[in-house]
């Protein structure tokens, strides 16, 4: 009104049910995949483009004796590959990052 007091209100609403359902499904799938990786009967590890470990499953722990906490964020080749094999393993990783596939 003329004195500055509100006399009404305008609001906008939006139904975000579908978006929330998609987010929940993505979260469920991500958890399912993480469980699959963690409980796999084979070592599964991941490295980022710099060679830093960003995934280390339970079988990797069992086989190597290195805990997940010990390896996460460390350079896999520089820290955990013996000097005799570092160059060849680094070449394989570099090829993989460049989408060149090699058979072992």
C-alpha atoms as a PDB file:
ATOM      1  CA  UNK A   1       0.000   0.000   0.000  1.00  0.00           C
ATOM      2  CA  UNK A   2       1.042   3.639   0.118  1.00  0.00           C
ATOM      3  CA  UNK A   3       2.611   3.178   3.557  1.00  0.00           C
ATOM      4  CA  UNK A   4       4.953   0.458   2.321  1.00  0.00           C
ATOM      5  CA  UNK A   5       3.212  -2.498   3.876  1.00  0.00           C
ATOM      6  CA  UNK A   6       2.806  -5.555   1.662  1.00  0.00           C
ATOM      7  CA  UNK A   7      -0.686  -6.177   0.389  1.00  0.00           C
ATOM      8  CA  UNK A   8      -0.044  -9.309  -1.603  1.00  0.00           C
ATOM      9  CA  UNK A   9       2.485 -11.875  -2.645  1.00  0.00           C
ATOM     10  CA  UNK A  10       3.517 -13.558  -5.880  1.00  0.00           C
ATOM     11  CA  UNK A  11       5.129 -16.990  -5.893  1.00  0.00           C
ATOM     12  CA  UNK A  12       6.378 -19.461  -8.443  1.00  0.00           C
ATOM     13  CA  UNK A  13       6.452 -23.203  -7.894  1.00  0.00           C
ATOM     14  CA  UNK A  14       7.995 -25.987  -9.897  1.00  0.00           C
ATOM     15  CA  UNK A  15       7.547 -29.704  -9.591  1.00  0.00           C
ATOM     16  CA  UNK A  16      11.026 -31.244  -9.258  1.00  0.00           C
ATOM     17  CA  UNK A  17       9.828 -34.779  -8.534  1.00  0.00           C
ATOM     18  CA  UNK A  18      11.200 -36.188 -11.797  1.00  0.00           C
ATOM     19  CA  UNK A  19      14.591 -34.524 -11.287  1.00  0.00           C
ATOM     20  CA  UNK A  20      14.805 -35.894  -7.740  1.00  0.00           C
ATOM     21  CA  UNK A  21      13.931 -39.386  -8.982  1.00  0.00           C
ATOM     22  CA  UNK A  22      16.699 -39.205 -11.605  1.00  0.00           C
ATOM     23  CA  UNK A  23      19.190 -38.043  -8.965  1.00  0.00           C
ATOM     24  CA  UNK A  24      18.186 -40.895  -6.654  1.00  0.00           C
ATOM     25  CA  UNK A  25      18.525 -43.431  -9.469  1.00  0.00           C
ATOM     26  CA  UNK A  26      21.972 -42.105 -10.393  1.00  0.00           C
ATOM     27  CA  UNK A  27      23.020 -42.365  -6.766  1.00  0.00           C
ATOM     28  CA  UNK A  28      21.676 -45.922  -6.514  1.00  0.00           C
ATOM     29  CA  UNK A  29      23.491 -47.017  -9.685  1.00  0.00           C
ATOM     30  CA  UNK A  30      26.739 -45.388  -8.543  1.00  0.00           C
ATOM     31  CA  UNK A  31      26.519 -47.210  -5.202  1.00  0.00           C
ATOM     32  CA  UNK A  32      25.776 -50.486  -6.965  1.00  0.00           C
ATOM     33  CA  UNK A  33      28.801 -50.074  -9.230  1.00  0.00           C
ATOM     34  CA  UNK A  34      31.020 -49.164  -6.282  1.00  0.00           C
ATOM     35  CA  UNK A  35      29.870 -52.297  -4.460  1.00  0.00           C
ATOM     36  CA  UNK A  36      30.610 -54.373  -7.569  1.00  0.00           C
ATOM     37  CA  UNK A  37      34.119 -52.908  -7.776  1.00  0.00           C
ATOM     38  CA  UNK A  38      34.786 -53.315  -4.050  1.00  0.00           C
ATOM     39  CA  UNK A  39      33.659 -56.946  -3.945  1.00  0.00           C
ATOM     40  CA  UNK A  40      35.064 -58.101  -7.292  1.00  0.00           C
ATOM     41  CA  UNK A  41      37.136 -61.256  -7.223  1.00  0.00           C
ATOM     42  CA  UNK A  42      39.865 -59.505  -9.213  1.00  0.00           C
ATOM     43  CA  UNK A  43      42.043 -56.502  -8.452  1.00  0.00           C
ATOM     44  CA  UNK A  44      40.535 -53.313  -9.850  1.00  0.00           C
ATOM     45  CA  UNK A  45      42.366 -50.035  -9.594  1.00  0.00           C
ATOM     46  CA  UNK A  46      42.076 -46.721 -11.338  1.00  0.00           C
ATOM     47  CA  UNK A  47      44.364 -43.838 -12.058  1.00  0.00           C
ATOM     48  CA  UNK A  48      43.673 -40.332 -13.270  1.00  0.00           C
ATOM     49  CA  UNK A  49      45.442 -38.684 -16.217  1.00  0.00           C
ATOM     50  CA  UNK A  50      48.419 -37.884 -13.968  1.00  0.00           C
ATOM     51  CA  UNK A  51      48.798 -41.501 -12.877  1.00  0.00           C
ATOM     52  CA  UNK A  52      47.437 -40.844  -9.391  1.00  0.00           C
ATOM     53  CA  UNK A  53      45.443 -43.700  -7.893  1.00  0.00           C
ATOM     54  CA  UNK A  54      41.739 -42.885  -7.588  1.00  0.00           C
ATOM     55  CA  UNK A  55      40.305 -46.397  -7.190  1.00  0.00           C
ATOM     56  CA  UNK A  56      41.639 -49.405  -5.268  1.00  0.00           C
ATOM     57  CA  UNK A  57      39.326 -52.301  -4.523  1.00  0.00           C
ATOM     58  CA  UNK A  58      39.432 -54.901  -1.757  1.00  0.00           C
ATOM     59  CA  UNK A  59      41.129 -57.523  -3.939  1.00  0.00           C
ATOM     60  CA  UNK A  60      43.898 -55.008  -4.726  1.00  0.00           C
ATOM     61  CA  UNK A  61      44.386 -54.588  -0.977  1.00  0.00           C
ATOM     62  CA  UNK A  62      44.482 -58.353  -0.473  1.00  0.00           C
ATOM     63  CA  UNK A  63      46.982 -59.016  -3.261  1.00  0.00           C
ATOM     64  CA  UNK A  64      49.356 -56.089  -2.698  1.00  0.00           C
ATOM     65  CA  UNK A  65      49.047 -55.556   1.032  1.00  0.00           C
ATOM     66  CA  UNK A  66      48.596 -51.809   0.467  1.00  0.00           C
ATOM     67  CA  UNK A  67      45.451 -50.322   1.977  1.00  0.00           C
ATOM     68  CA  UNK A  68      43.169 -48.036   0.034  1.00  0.00           C
ATOM     69  CA  UNK A  69      44.215 -45.134   2.255  1.00  0.00           C
ATOM     70  CA  UNK A  70      47.899 -45.792   1.557  1.00  0.00           C
ATOM     71  CA  UNK A  71      47.600 -45.661  -2.225  1.00  0.00           C
ATOM     72  CA  UNK A  72      44.873 -43.102  -2.919  1.00  0.00           C
ATOM     73  CA  UNK A  73      46.317 -39.982  -4.525  1.00  0.00           C
ATOM     74  CA  UNK A  74      49.787 -41.491  -4.969  1.00  0.00           C
ATOM     75  CA  UNK A  75      51.453 -42.036  -8.327  1.00  0.00           C
ATOM     76  CA  UNK A  76      51.001 -45.725  -9.073  1.00  0.00           C
ATOM     77  CA  UNK A  77      54.014 -46.132 -11.348  1.00  0.00           C
ATOM     78  CA  UNK A  78      56.488 -43.992  -9.393  1.00  0.00           C
ATOM     79  CA  UNK A  79      55.587 -45.369  -5.976  1.00  0.00           C
ATOM     80  CA  UNK A  80      54.335 -48.947  -6.412  1.00  0.00           C
ATOM     81  CA  UNK A  81      55.978 -50.315  -9.559  1.00  0.00           C
ATOM     82  CA  UNK A  82      59.502 -51.649  -9.147  1.00  0.00           C
ATOM     83  CA  UNK A  83      62.206 -49.659 -10.951  1.00  0.00           C
ATOM     84  CA  UNK A  84      62.824 -52.472 -13.450  1.00  0.00           C
ATOM     85  CA  UNK A  85      59.264 -52.216 -14.799  1.00  0.00           C
ATOM     86  CA  UNK A  86      58.445 -48.520 -14.399  1.00  0.00           C
ATOM     87  CA  UNK A  87      59.279 -47.477 -17.946  1.00  0.00           C
ATOM     88  CA  UNK A  88      57.283 -50.249 -19.617  1.00  0.00           C
ATOM     89  CA  UNK A  89      54.281 -49.802 -17.310  1.00  0.00           C
ATOM     90  CA  UNK A  90      54.363 -46.032 -17.871  1.00  0.00           C
ATOM     91  CA  UNK A  91      54.314 -46.616 -21.631  1.00  0.00           C
ATOM     92  CA  UNK A  92      51.258 -48.865 -21.305  1.00  0.00           C
ATOM     93  CA  UNK A  93      49.470 -46.238 -19.191  1.00  0.00           C
ATOM     94  CA  UNK A  94      50.400 -43.453 -21.607  1.00  0.00           C
ATOM     95  CA  UNK A  95      49.095 -45.515 -24.529  1.00  0.00           C
ATOM     96  CA  UNK A  96      45.839 -46.176 -22.657  1.00  0.00           C
ATOM     97  CA  UNK A  97      45.409 -42.437 -21.999  1.00  0.00           C
ATOM     98  CA  UNK A  98      45.876 -41.858 -25.725  1.00  0.00           C
ATOM     99  CA  UNK A  99      43.332 -44.595 -26.541  1.00  0.00           C
ATOM    100  CA  UNK A 100      45.999 -46.912 -27.949  1.00  0.00           C
ATOM    101  CA  UNK A 101      45.169 -50.420 -26.858  1.00  0.00           C
ATOM    102  CA  UNK A 102      47.782 -53.083 -26.379  1.00  0.00           C
ATOM    103  CA  UNK A 103      47.555 -56.788 -25.678  1.00  0.00           C
ATOM    104  CA  UNK A 104      49.574 -58.240 -22.818  1.00  0.00           C
END
